[in-house]
Protein backbone atom coordinates (compact mmCIF):
# COMPACT_ATOMS: atom_id res chain seq x y z
CA MET A 1 -0.09 0.11 -0.23
CA THR A 2 1.29 3.43 -0.93
CA PHE A 3 1.82 6.20 1.82
CA ALA A 4 -0.83 8.11 0.17
CA ALA A 5 -3.34 5.36 0.12
CA ARG A 6 -2.35 4.64 3.59
CA ILE A 7 -3.31 8.16 4.73
CA GLU A 8 -6.45 8.08 2.68
CA ALA A 9 -7.38 4.98 4.84
CA ARG A 10 -6.35 6.50 7.73
CA LEU A 11 -8.37 9.57 6.74
CA ARG A 12 -11.77 7.42 6.14
CA SER A 13 -11.07 5.52 9.44
CA LEU A 14 -11.69 8.92 11.41
CA SER A 15 -15.14 9.93 12.83
CA THR A 16 -17.15 13.32 10.98
CA ARG A 17 -15.85 14.90 14.21
CA GLU A 18 -12.49 14.27 14.10
CA ARG A 19 -12.42 15.23 10.18
CA ASN A 20 -14.07 18.06 10.89
CA LEU A 21 -11.58 18.64 13.61
CA LEU A 22 -8.66 18.12 11.44
CA LEU A 23 -9.73 20.57 8.77
CA LEU A 24 -10.44 23.64 10.89
CA CYS A 25 -7.00 22.56 12.13
CA ALA A 26 -5.50 22.81 8.80
CA LEU A 27 -7.16 25.97 8.34
CA VAL A 28 -5.63 27.72 10.87
CA VAL A 29 -2.14 26.71 9.60
CA VAL A 30 -3.15 28.29 6.34
CA VAL A 31 -4.65 31.28 7.37
CA PHE A 32 -1.45 31.84 9.69
CA ALA A 33 0.70 31.31 7.33
CA VAL A 34 -0.50 33.63 5.05
CA MET A 35 -1.17 36.30 7.70
CA ARG A 36 2.62 35.54 8.53
CA TRP A 37 4.33 36.12 4.93
CA THR A 38 1.60 38.47 3.56
CA VAL A 39 -0.41 40.59 5.80
CA PHE A 40 2.04 40.97 8.79
CA PRO A 41 4.80 42.53 6.69
CA ALA A 42 1.84 44.86 4.97
CA VAL A 43 1.25 46.32 8.30
CA ALA A 44 4.76 46.55 9.29
CA GLN A 45 5.73 48.61 5.93
CA HIS A 46 2.16 50.64 6.69
CA ARG A 47 3.63 51.69 9.90
CA LYS A 48 6.87 52.41 8.64
CA GLU A 49 5.55 54.78 5.98
CA ARG A 50 3.33 56.29 7.74
CA GLY A 51 5.88 57.26 10.36
CA LEU A 52 8.25 58.52 7.64
CA ILE A 53 5.50 60.93 6.58
CA VAL A 54 4.73 62.60 9.94
CA GLU A 55 8.76 63.05 10.39
CA ARG A 56 9.26 64.07 6.78
CA ARG A 57 6.27 66.97 7.53
CA ALA A 58 8.41 68.01 10.90
CA THR A 59 11.47 68.25 9.15
CA LEU A 60 9.39 70.16 6.35
CA ALA A 61 8.56 72.46 9.23
CA ARG A 62 11.86 73.19 10.74
CA TYR A 63 13.52 73.80 7.41
CA GLN A 64 10.91 76.50 6.79
CA ALA A 65 11.97 78.13 9.98
CA MET A 66 15.31 78.13 9.38
CA GLY A 67 14.66 79.62 5.87
CA GLY A 68 16.36 82.81 6.39
CA GLU A 69 19.20 81.31 8.01
CA GLN A 70 20.72 78.92 5.65
CA SER A 71 21.50 78.98 1.89
CA ASP A 72 21.01 75.50 1.35
CA VAL A 73 17.12 75.52 2.82
CA ALA A 74 15.57 75.72 -0.47
CA GLU A 75 17.29 72.76 -2.15
CA LYS A 76 16.95 70.63 0.81
CA LEU A 77 13.26 71.83 1.13
CA ALA A 78 12.95 70.75 -2.60
CA VAL A 79 14.08 67.17 -1.88
CA LYS A 80 12.13 66.74 1.06
CA MET A 81 8.87 67.97 -0.62
CA ARG A 82 10.23 65.49 -3.81
CA GLU A 83 9.80 62.96 -0.89
CA LEU A 84 6.93 63.38 0.65
CA GLY A 85 5.17 63.50 -2.62
CA VAL A 86 6.09 59.82 -3.44
CA ALA A 87 5.16 58.72 -0.20
CA GLU A 88 1.59 60.37 -0.42
CA GLU A 89 1.16 58.55 -3.32
CA GLU A 90 0.26 55.70 -1.59
CA LEU A 91 -2.55 57.52 0.01
CA LEU A 92 -6.41 56.83 -0.52
CA PRO A 93 -7.33 59.12 -3.05
CA GLY A 94 -10.32 61.72 -2.50
CA SER A 95 -11.09 64.82 -2.04
CA ASP A 96 -12.69 64.09 1.81
CA PRO A 97 -12.80 60.68 3.70
CA SER A 98 -16.35 59.63 2.08
CA ALA A 99 -14.57 59.82 -1.28
CA ALA A 100 -12.12 57.89 -0.25
CA GLY A 101 -13.69 55.12 1.27
CA ALA A 102 -15.57 55.18 -1.68
CA ALA A 103 -12.23 54.38 -3.76
CA LEU A 104 -11.18 52.26 -0.88
CA GLN A 105 -14.15 49.85 -1.70
CA GLY A 106 -13.83 50.09 -5.16
CA MET A 107 -10.05 48.82 -4.90
CA LEU A 108 -11.43 45.79 -2.58
CA LYS A 109 -14.57 44.45 -4.42
CA PRO A 110 -12.73 42.93 -7.42
CA MET A 111 -10.56 40.91 -5.03
CA VAL A 112 -14.03 39.21 -3.88
CA ASN A 113 -15.16 38.68 -7.34
CA ARG A 114 -14.34 34.92 -7.02
CA THR A 115 -17.22 32.11 -7.52
CA ASP A 116 -16.58 30.60 -4.66
CA THR A 117 -17.19 34.07 -2.84
CA LYS A 118 -20.22 35.81 -1.84
CA LEU A 119 -20.06 39.18 -0.71
CA THR A 120 -22.99 39.70 1.74
CA SER A 121 -22.12 42.74 3.11
CA VAL A 122 -20.04 46.12 3.00
CA ARG A 123 -19.78 49.32 4.18
CA THR A 124 -17.24 52.16 5.15
CA LEU A 125 -16.69 53.06 8.87
CA SER A 126 -16.23 56.47 10.24
CA PRO A 127 -12.69 57.81 9.60
CA ALA A 128 -10.30 58.32 12.30
CA GLN A 129 -8.28 61.67 12.16
CA LYS A 130 -4.33 60.81 12.38
CA GLY A 131 -2.93 64.63 12.43
CA GLU A 132 -2.96 66.24 8.65
CA TYR A 133 -4.38 62.63 7.62
CA ALA A 134 -7.48 60.46 8.19
CA GLU A 135 -7.67 56.95 8.73
CA VAL A 136 -10.82 55.24 6.52
CA ALA A 137 -11.59 51.68 7.07
CA VAL A 138 -14.18 49.46 5.56
CA GLN A 139 -15.54 46.47 6.85
CA MET A 140 -16.74 43.28 4.63
CA ASP A 141 -18.52 40.26 5.45
CA MET A 142 -18.26 36.97 2.88
CA GLN A 143 -19.01 33.49 2.58
CA THR A 144 -15.71 32.26 0.87
CA SER A 145 -13.45 29.46 1.22
CA THR A 146 -9.45 28.60 2.35
CA GLU A 147 -8.21 29.60 -1.26
CA GLY A 148 -10.65 32.49 -1.40
CA LEU A 149 -9.89 33.78 1.55
CA ALA A 150 -5.84 33.22 1.40
CA SER A 151 -6.11 34.77 -2.20
CA PHE A 152 -7.66 38.10 -0.74
CA LEU A 153 -5.29 38.32 2.07
CA ALA A 154 -2.47 38.14 -0.56
CA GLY A 155 -3.77 41.04 -2.49
CA ILE A 156 -3.85 43.20 0.14
CA PRO A 157 -0.03 43.99 0.08
CA ARG A 158 -0.19 43.75 -3.82
CA GLN A 159 -2.35 46.63 -3.88
CA GLN A 160 -0.79 49.85 -5.32
CA LYS A 161 -1.71 51.82 -2.32
CA THR A 162 -1.11 51.30 0.98
CA LEU A 163 -3.67 49.03 2.66
CA ARG A 164 -3.72 46.98 6.38
CA VAL A 165 -5.84 44.59 7.47
CA LYS A 166 -7.24 45.92 11.06
CA LYS A 167 -9.30 43.22 11.95
CA LEU A 168 -10.36 39.58 10.87
CA VAL A 169 -12.20 37.22 12.10
CA VAL A 170 -13.11 33.45 10.51
CA LYS A 171 -15.90 31.08 11.52
CA SER A 172 -16.04 27.44 10.08
CA GLY A 173 -19.15 25.88 10.34
CA VAL A 174 -19.31 21.78 11.98
CA TYR A 175 -21.34 19.66 9.06
CA SER A 176 -22.02 15.97 8.87
CA ALA A 177 -20.97 13.10 6.70
CA ALA A 178 -23.61 14.09 4.16
CA ARG A 179 -22.27 17.64 3.79
CA ALA A 180 -18.33 17.13 4.38
CA LYS A 181 -17.77 18.90 0.69
CA ARG A 182 -18.88 22.09 2.08
CA ALA A 183 -16.63 21.50 5.13
CA ASP A 184 -14.45 24.43 3.73
CA ARG A 185 -16.73 27.00 3.91
CA LEU A 186 -16.05 29.80 5.81
CA VAL A 187 -17.51 32.90 6.95
CA VAL A 188 -15.31 35.88 6.95
CA SER A 189 -15.59 39.39 8.73
CA LEU A 190 -12.57 41.63 8.08
CA THR A 191 -11.71 45.12 8.54
CA VAL A 192 -9.13 46.86 5.69
CA SER A 193 -7.89 50.54 6.30
CA GLY A 194 -5.86 53.18 4.20
CA MET A 195 -4.54 56.72 4.75
CA THR A 196 -6.18 59.86 2.57
CA ALA A 197 -5.18 63.12 2.98
CA ALA A 198 -8.56 64.82 3.79
CA PRO A 199 -9.00 67.91 5.38
CA GLU A 200 -8.80 67.78 9.07
CA GLU A 201 -12.89 69.06 9.34
CA THR A 202 -14.22 66.42 7.49
CA ALA A 203 -13.14 63.29 9.68
CA THR A 204 -14.33 62.16 12.77
CA VAL A 205 -11.67 61.96 15.94
CA GLY A 206 -12.11 58.52 17.77
CA GLY A 207 -11.97 56.02 14.68
CA GLU A 208 -14.62 53.33 13.78
CA GLN A 209 -17.95 52.74 15.44
């Protein structure tokens, strides 16, 4: 008997509860691997870039205050302005948080356009002011497969704008032997956020509801 055949025979000997538990453990491993190699690095990069934006703005303010004291201030200021412009290219577009939220939804919806995924609800949460910027978040509820969830999470760091997964809740139902083929069906609720250069008075301090 081959190794694969022995594994298959072993799986067939398991009870429905044991098979579901084994599948759930495999699901946890897959989701953890996706988070470890795609989402976590993207979140770290997002925090680093957000800190750089704040640092560059502080540097710009110092250079502007030193305008009458150093001859090379104009050149340094131009360099910092270009660096800031490059960093702000990864912010969400829009003249206000509402427009930025609509843009974020437009980026996320095509990512769940799969035959194994059903989007049940999507809504933009209240923005949170972060200094001169605003954080916009979108909550999405869906039914999908392990592959569909992994594909969505892997697509977050590939976006042209800097996004991060703020919250992720995954539920897997326990099915009978007659419905074992549907054991890969997941109920997922997640929140994805991005930054926008929205006017301060248009954003609500305190974050999502």
